[in-house]
Protein backbone atom coordinates (compact mmCIF):
# COMPACT_ATOMS: atom_id res chain seq x y z
CA MET A 1 35.73 68.16 17.25
CA GLU A 2 37.03 63.51 16.91
CA PHE A 3 38.89 61.55 19.16
CA LEU A 4 41.47 59.06 19.44
CA PRO A 5 41.23 56.40 21.09
CA TYR A 6 44.71 54.62 20.27
CA HIS A 7 46.28 58.18 21.21
CA PHE A 8 43.54 59.67 23.93
CA LEU A 9 44.38 62.65 22.21
CA LEU A 10 40.28 65.05 21.72
CA VAL A 11 41.29 66.89 18.35
CA SER A 12 38.94 70.43 18.06
CA SER A 13 38.45 73.41 15.78
CA ALA A 14 37.89 76.37 16.59
CA ASP A 15 36.08 79.35 14.06
CA ASN A 16 39.30 81.07 14.38
CA GLY A 17 41.08 78.75 12.63
CA PHE A 18 43.18 76.69 14.88
CA LEU A 19 43.66 73.10 15.95
CA TYR A 20 43.92 71.66 19.35
CA TYR A 21 44.78 68.83 20.24
CA LEU A 22 44.26 67.58 23.73
CA ASP A 23 46.21 64.93 26.02
CA CYS A 24 42.88 62.96 27.72
CA SER A 25 45.88 61.27 29.99
CA ILE A 26 47.02 64.52 30.95
CA GLY A 27 44.59 66.66 30.50
CA THR A 28 46.56 69.07 29.26
CA ILE A 29 46.75 71.16 25.23
CA VAL A 30 50.40 69.31 23.84
CA ALA A 31 49.50 71.00 19.68
CA SER A 32 48.00 74.20 18.66
CA ILE A 33 48.03 74.30 15.14
CA PRO A 34 47.73 77.86 12.59
CA THR A 35 45.05 76.78 9.60
CA TYR A 36 45.34 80.08 8.25
CA MET A 37 42.09 79.09 6.23
CA GLY A 38 39.48 80.90 8.16
CA ARG A 39 37.26 78.92 10.16
CA LEU A 40 37.04 75.86 10.62
CA GLY A 41 34.03 74.12 9.68
CA VAL A 42 34.23 70.44 8.35
CA MET A 43 36.58 67.77 10.04
CA CYS A 44 37.18 63.85 10.07
CA GLN A 45 40.20 61.36 11.40
CA ASN A 46 40.75 58.90 9.49
CA PRO A 47 41.18 56.13 11.16
CA SER A 48 44.05 53.86 9.57
CA ASN A 49 46.49 57.25 11.02
CA GLY A 50 44.89 58.97 12.95
CA VAL A 51 45.34 62.28 10.28
CA ILE A 52 42.59 64.65 10.73
CA CYS A 53 41.54 66.62 7.04
CA THR A 54 38.94 69.60 7.64
CA GLY A 55 37.24 71.06 4.62
CA HIS A 56 37.82 73.98 3.97
CA ASN A 57 35.77 77.24 2.40
CA ASP A 58 37.81 77.18 -0.88
CA GLY A 59 37.07 73.95 -1.87
CA VAL A 60 40.93 72.94 -0.26
CA VAL A 61 40.90 69.13 1.84
CA SER A 62 44.68 69.33 4.36
CA MET A 63 45.21 67.37 5.80
CA TRP A 64 47.49 67.74 9.53
CA VAL A 65 48.98 65.92 12.20
CA PRO A 66 50.05 67.40 15.58
CA SER A 67 54.34 66.77 14.67
CA GLU A 68 53.59 69.54 12.19
CA LYS A 69 53.59 73.03 11.93
CA SER A 70 51.80 73.52 7.95
CA TYR A 71 49.48 70.68 6.34
CA VAL A 72 51.04 67.58 5.35
CA ILE A 73 48.42 66.98 2.31
CA LYS A 74 46.49 70.03 0.58
CA MET A 75 44.03 68.64 -2.33
CA PHE A 76 41.57 71.10 -4.60
CA ALA A 77 37.95 68.95 -4.00
CA HIS A 78 35.29 71.33 -5.47
CA PRO A 79 35.24 74.64 -7.36
CA THR A 80 32.85 75.86 -4.81
CA ALA A 81 33.02 75.39 -0.92
CA ILE A 82 32.85 72.16 1.06
CA THR A 83 30.00 71.61 3.07
CA SER A 84 30.99 67.20 4.43
CA ILE A 85 34.09 65.65 4.79
CA ALA A 86 34.27 62.15 5.28
CA CYS A 87 36.61 59.22 5.80
CA ASP A 88 36.48 55.31 5.25
CA GLN A 89 37.64 52.59 8.23
CA THR A 90 40.16 51.61 6.30
CA GLY A 91 41.77 55.04 5.04
CA SER A 92 41.84 53.95 1.98
CA TYR A 93 38.82 56.52 0.37
CA LEU A 94 37.94 59.37 1.11
CA ALA A 95 34.59 61.52 0.39
CA THR A 96 33.80 64.78 0.08
CA CYS A 97 30.47 67.36 -0.54
CA GLY A 98 30.46 70.71 -2.27
CA VAL A 99 27.93 73.35 -2.55
CA ASP A 100 28.47 72.32 -6.11
CA ARG A 101 25.93 69.30 -5.10
CA LYS A 102 28.82 67.12 -6.49
CA LEU A 103 29.29 63.98 -4.19
CA LYS A 104 33.47 63.13 -4.57
CA ILE A 105 35.16 59.86 -3.48
CA TRP A 106 38.77 60.18 -3.49
CA ASP A 107 41.10 57.69 -3.49
CA LEU A 108 43.88 58.19 -0.41
CA ARG A 109 46.52 55.38 -0.46
CA SER A 110 48.93 56.66 -3.25
CA THR A 111 47.09 58.99 -6.37
CA TYR A 112 45.00 60.88 -4.01
CA ASP A 113 42.61 60.56 -7.08
CA PRO A 114 38.90 61.41 -8.06
CA LEU A 115 37.93 57.46 -8.80
CA SER A 116 33.51 58.34 -9.44
CA GLU A 117 31.61 62.34 -8.61
CA ILE A 118 28.18 61.11 -7.88
CA LEU A 119 25.06 64.35 -8.74
CA LEU A 120 22.89 64.88 -5.69
CA PRO A 121 19.69 66.01 -5.11
CA MET A 122 20.68 68.71 -3.22
CA SER A 123 23.37 69.40 -1.06
CA ALA A 124 24.12 66.68 1.51
CA SER A 125 25.34 68.27 4.95
CA THR A 126 26.72 65.38 6.99
CA ILE A 127 28.03 61.35 5.34
CA ASN A 128 29.82 58.60 7.31
CA PHE A 129 31.54 55.70 6.21
CA SER A 130 30.08 52.06 7.58
CA GLN A 131 32.43 49.64 8.91
CA LYS A 132 31.54 48.02 5.31
CA GLY A 133 31.53 50.65 3.31
CA LEU A 134 28.24 52.10 2.89
CA LEU A 135 28.17 55.46 2.68
CA ALA A 136 25.47 57.66 4.33
CA LEU A 137 23.75 60.96 3.00
CA GLY A 138 22.16 63.38 5.06
CA ALA A 139 20.77 67.02 2.96
CA ALA A 140 17.62 68.51 4.49
CA ASN A 141 14.79 65.29 5.48
CA THR A 142 16.33 62.60 3.61
CA VAL A 143 17.31 59.84 4.16
CA GLN A 144 19.81 57.44 1.94
CA ILE A 145 22.09 54.77 2.26
CA LEU A 146 24.95 54.12 -0.79
CA ARG A 147 26.63 50.79 -2.03
CA ASP A 148 30.10 50.78 -2.78
CA PRO A 149 29.94 54.17 -4.24
CA HIS A 150 33.36 54.48 -4.89
CA SER A 151 32.46 51.83 -8.19
CA ILE A 152 28.98 53.04 -8.99
CA PRO A 153 29.80 55.23 -12.97
CA PRO A 154 29.18 58.33 -14.11
CA SER A 155 25.84 58.77 -15.51
CA ASN A 156 23.37 61.36 -16.84
CA ALA A 157 21.47 63.92 -14.12
CA SER A 158 18.77 63.12 -15.52
CA LYS A 159 18.62 59.63 -14.74
CA ILE A 160 19.79 59.39 -11.99
CA PHE A 161 17.14 60.97 -9.77
CA GLU A 162 13.54 59.13 -8.61
CA THR A 163 11.51 61.18 -5.71
CA ILE A 164 10.68 59.23 -2.69
CA SER A 165 7.10 58.62 -2.84
CA PRO A 166 3.70 59.83 -4.77
CA ASN A 167 3.01 61.74 -1.45
CA VAL A 168 6.62 63.74 -0.87
CA ASN A 169 8.27 65.41 -3.39
CA ARG A 170 11.71 64.46 -3.01
CA ARG A 171 14.58 63.69 -5.50
CA VAL A 172 16.75 60.76 -4.70
CA ILE A 173 19.64 59.02 -6.08
CA SER A 174 17.59 56.19 -8.10
CA ASN A 175 20.37 53.78 -7.98
CA ALA A 176 20.78 54.11 -3.73
CA TYR A 177 20.84 51.18 -1.32
CA LEU A 178 18.42 52.67 0.91
CA SER A 179 16.24 55.93 1.55
CA HIS A 180 13.89 57.41 4.06
CA TYR A 181 12.12 60.30 4.35
CA ALA A 182 13.01 62.59 8.20
CA VAL A 183 10.15 64.49 8.98
CA HIS A 184 12.15 66.55 10.45
CA PRO A 185 15.64 68.55 8.93
CA VAL A 186 18.87 65.64 9.32
CA TYR A 187 22.17 67.70 11.07
CA ARG A 188 24.53 63.96 11.51
CA VAL A 189 23.84 60.68 10.28
CA ARG A 190 25.89 58.65 12.04
CA PHE A 191 26.45 54.15 11.90
CA CYS A 192 26.83 51.82 14.63
CA PRO A 193 30.02 49.76 15.19
CA TYR A 194 28.93 45.58 15.06
CA GLU A 195 24.95 46.88 14.50
CA ASP A 196 22.54 47.25 11.80
CA VAL A 197 21.52 50.14 12.54
CA LEU A 198 22.22 54.04 11.57
CA GLY A 199 21.11 56.62 14.14
CA VAL A 200 19.95 60.03 11.88
CA GLY A 201 19.95 63.42 14.54
CA SER A 202 17.41 65.92 13.82
CA SER A 203 16.10 69.11 15.20
CA ALA A 204 14.04 66.87 17.16
CA GLY A 205 16.04 64.72 18.55
CA ILE A 206 17.83 61.34 17.83
CA SER A 207 16.19 58.39 15.60
CA SER A 208 17.72 55.09 14.49
CA ILE A 209 16.20 53.62 10.57
CA LEU A 210 18.19 49.36 10.37
CA CYS A 211 20.43 48.93 7.77
CA PRO A 212 21.71 45.78 6.48
CA GLY A 213 24.83 44.82 6.25
CA SER A 214 26.69 47.85 6.99
CA ALA A 215 28.49 46.45 10.07
CA GLU A 216 31.26 44.05 11.07
CA PRO A 217 29.45 41.12 11.83
CA ASN A 218 32.64 39.44 13.05
CA TYR A 219 34.40 41.64 16.24
CA ASP A 220 37.47 41.23 17.61
CA GLY A 221 36.86 40.59 21.91
CA LEU A 222 40.09 41.60 22.99
CA GLU A 223 39.53 45.23 20.56
CA GLU A 224 35.94 45.91 20.89
CA ASN A 225 33.88 43.16 23.06
CA PRO A 226 29.87 44.06 22.80
CA PHE A 227 29.03 42.51 25.67
CA ALA A 228 31.50 43.43 28.20
CA ASN A 229 30.74 44.25 32.38
CA LYS A 230 31.63 47.26 34.34
CA ARG A 231 34.93 46.31 35.80
CA TYR A 232 36.00 44.65 32.22
CA ARG A 233 35.50 47.79 31.22
CA GLN A 234 37.16 49.59 33.27
CA GLU A 235 40.63 47.00 32.82
CA ARG A 236 40.65 47.78 29.30
CA GLU A 237 40.53 51.62 30.53
CA VAL A 238 44.02 50.90 32.47
CA LYS A 239 45.31 48.38 29.19
CA ARG A 240 44.48 51.42 26.97
CA LEU A 241 46.57 53.89 28.97
CA LEU A 242 49.45 52.15 29.21
CA ASP A 243 49.91 50.99 25.28
CA LYS A 244 49.08 54.58 24.53
CA ILE A 245 50.28 55.32 20.91
CA PRO A 246 52.47 58.78 21.69
CA TYR A 247 51.24 61.77 18.99
CA THR A 248 54.68 61.99 17.47
CA MET A 249 54.09 59.01 15.92
CA ILE A 250 51.20 60.13 14.35
CA SER A 251 52.00 60.44 10.19
CA LEU A 252 50.43 60.61 6.42
CA LYS A 253 52.35 56.74 5.76
CA SER A 254 51.51 54.68 9.16
CA ILE A 255 54.78 52.99 11.15
CA VAL A 256 52.49 50.86 13.37
CA GLY A 257 52.25 47.85 12.67
CA GLU A 258 54.20 47.25 10.76
CA VAL A 259 58.40 45.24 10.34
CA ARG A 260 61.39 47.40 10.78
CA ARG A 261 63.76 45.57 8.45
CA GLU A 262 66.96 47.23 10.65
CA ASP A 263 65.51 45.17 13.15
CA LEU A 264 65.62 41.63 11.22
CA LEU A 265 68.88 42.86 9.93
CA GLU A 266 70.11 42.41 12.83
CA GLU A 267 68.65 40.04 14.40
CA TRP A 268 70.52 37.73 11.52
CA GLU A 269 73.01 40.07 12.23
CA LYS A 270 73.08 37.88 15.77
CA LYS A 271 72.05 34.26 14.57
CA LYS A 272 74.98 35.07 12.09
CA ALA A 273 77.96 35.41 14.57
CA VAL A 274 76.51 32.75 16.56
CA LEU A 275 76.16 30.00 14.31
CA LEU A 276 80.06 30.95 12.54
CA GLY A 277 81.11 32.81 14.99
CA GLN A 278 82.19 36.03 15.66
CA VAL A 279 85.62 36.65 13.28
CA PRO A 280 87.25 39.94 14.19
CA LYS A 281 88.99 42.93 12.40
CA VAL A 282 92.57 42.98 12.62
CA ASP A 283 94.69 46.13 11.63
CA THR A 284 96.39 46.41 8.85
CA PRO A 285 100.17 46.45 10.60
CA ALA A 286 102.08 49.02 10.39
CA ILE A 287 105.88 48.34 8.98
CA LYS A 288 108.82 50.14 8.74
CA ARG A 289 110.26 52.12 5.73
CA ASN A 290 114.07 49.99 5.28
CA LYS A 291 116.04 52.67 3.26
CA GLN A 292 118.21 49.92 1.87
CA LYS A 293 119.42 50.45 -1.93
CA GLY A 294 116.00 48.42 -3.79
CA ARG A 295 114.94 46.19 -0.40
CA SER A 296 112.56 49.76 -0.15
CA LYS A 297 110.56 49.03 -3.49
CA PRO A 298 106.05 49.79 -3.10
CA GLY A 299 104.98 46.89 -4.10
CA ARG A 300 107.30 44.26 -1.73
CA ILE A 301 105.98 46.84 0.94
CA GLU A 302 102.92 46.37 0.29
CA ALA A 303 102.72 42.96 -0.46
CA LYS A 304 104.21 42.35 3.03
CA LYS A 305 102.04 44.18 4.86
CA GLN A 306 99.16 41.66 3.04
CA ASN A 307 100.83 37.98 4.08
CA ILE A 308 100.98 39.06 7.80
CA HIS A 309 97.82 40.91 7.65
CA PHE A 310 96.17 37.69 6.39
CA GLU A 311 98.91 35.02 8.74
CA ARG A 312 96.93 37.46 11.23
CA LYS A 313 93.63 36.85 10.50
CA MET A 314 93.66 32.95 10.03
CA PHE A 315 95.30 32.51 12.85
CA THR A 316 92.90 35.08 14.44
CA ILE A 317 89.70 32.64 12.49
CA LYS A 318 91.84 29.91 13.23
CA GLU A 319 91.10 30.04 16.99
CA VAL A 320 87.73 30.76 17.09
CA LEU A 321 86.35 27.43 14.75
CA GLY A 322 88.63 25.22 17.20
CA VAL A 323 91.27 24.94 15.13
CA ARG A 324 93.83 24.45 17.48
CA GLU A 325 91.68 21.99 20.01
CA ALA A 326 91.00 19.28 16.93
CA GLU A 327 95.06 19.51 15.72
CA GLU A 328 95.98 19.15 19.71
CA LYS A 329 93.72 15.99 20.26
CA LEU A 330 95.32 14.57 16.61
CA ARG A 331 99.22 15.24 17.72
CA ARG A 332 98.49 13.20 21.75
CA LYS A 333 96.22 10.36 19.40
CA VAL A 334 99.50 10.29 16.92
CA SER A 335 101.71 10.16 20.28
CA TYR A 336 100.05 8.04 21.32
CA LYS A 337 99.79 5.48 18.83
CA LYS A 338 103.83 5.61 18.74
CA ILE A 339 104.22 3.80 22.38
CA ASN A 340 102.76 1.59 21.91
CA ASP A 341 103.99 0.13 18.73
CA ILE A 342 106.98 -2.11 18.84
CA SER A 343 108.65 -1.34 15.87
CA THR A 344 109.19 2.82 17.32
CA LEU A 345 110.75 0.56 20.97
CA PRO A 346 114.94 0.77 20.81
CA ARG A 347 117.61 -1.69 18.98
CA PRO A 348 120.21 -2.78 20.71
CA SER A 349 122.26 -1.65 18.35
CA GLU A 350 121.39 2.02 18.85
CA ALA A 351 123.51 2.17 21.58
CA LEU A 352 126.12 1.61 18.70
CA VAL A 353 125.45 4.56 16.91
CA THR A 354 127.11 7.39 17.62
CA LYS A 355 125.26 10.23 15.76
CA LYS A 356 122.09 9.71 14.80
CA LYS A 357 121.22 10.80 11.60
CA LEU A 358 117.60 11.78 10.70
CA SER A 359 117.82 12.87 7.75
CA LYS A 360 118.91 8.93 7.18
CA ARG A 361 116.37 5.80 7.12
CA ARG A 362 118.94 3.38 8.68
CA THR A 363 118.67 -0.22 7.92
CA ASN A 364 118.04 -3.40 10.27
CA THR A 365 121.72 -4.92 10.64
CA ALA A 366 123.12 -8.72 11.80
CA LEU A 367 123.12 -7.48 15.17
CA ASP A 368 119.31 -6.24 15.16
CA VAL A 369 118.53 -9.69 14.07
CA LEU A 370 120.18 -12.13 16.18
CA ILE A 371 119.05 -9.64 18.85
CA PRO A 372 114.84 -8.41 18.48
CA PRO A 373 114.57 -5.99 20.88
CA LYS A 374 113.27 -6.07 24.28
CA GLU A 375 109.77 -4.32 25.14
CA PHE A 376 109.72 -2.19 28.41
């Protein structure tokens, strides 16, 4: 079984080849997926996106999401049955081990290619990644810990094995970070979060060994607080229930935490409308055809449409940008200057002029010189 903490989903595999997704917040099964690949005895989750990885007896690794009734990824990992599988915290690497005693590290970022292949003394029944990338292997009575397993170069099998101690006839990998001999058979190994401790589950019970450098030293107090009291844990449970991610958002390429380009473009359009003004769309006017001869050519009609469309659009733009208010203010200012200007006052000779011609400029007459204009 695997628990997805951000989705409150409990994923379980059955001998009949079904995957069941149970929503712990409401207590109902939200998805039931038939794999058609036989018994499901090897399973792990990808912590970065919530995808479930399963290993099968034919050496195939498949990945599942609750919103799909078939696998999203299917890759051939080993020619023999898979005994154990694990995914690191970042979701970049996948470790698989088969009956052929080979440990393979796969790249899950883009290529899904094997990065390294390590031959083990015996097949590992359980493997687990730590927060800092250490890989723990449990095989029979032996526990081994590898540092940076994806960068271990392939070497000769006769040179990579050595005995764990002179008194114990058990072979281990020579370049292993740590090796531990358990008296009883090992069934499960798990790293403790935020602590340099490895838990080992055997037939005699649970034991723990120290593993320096395996845990994350800098924890996020809002995410996981090791010093939380009972009241804080209760409030955190309520907050997580409110922030629960729907199971329909589980996908191979996680969209949680990413920036949506559509929202950025929409926000930019709103800012542009506020700064530059919203220019409404003007429909093209419908022009009736003139039936006169030589007057209804298509070119002339189209040019007339374009001119009317351009004039309407410019009129709308001037209204939006406030050009009309500026012109009105300028007109008032000019009219005020004309009223206060002496040259614009009526002259005595205006009474003698019967009809004023606006096209020609009047010159001062002798009557205007002798009698200056009066201010009203």
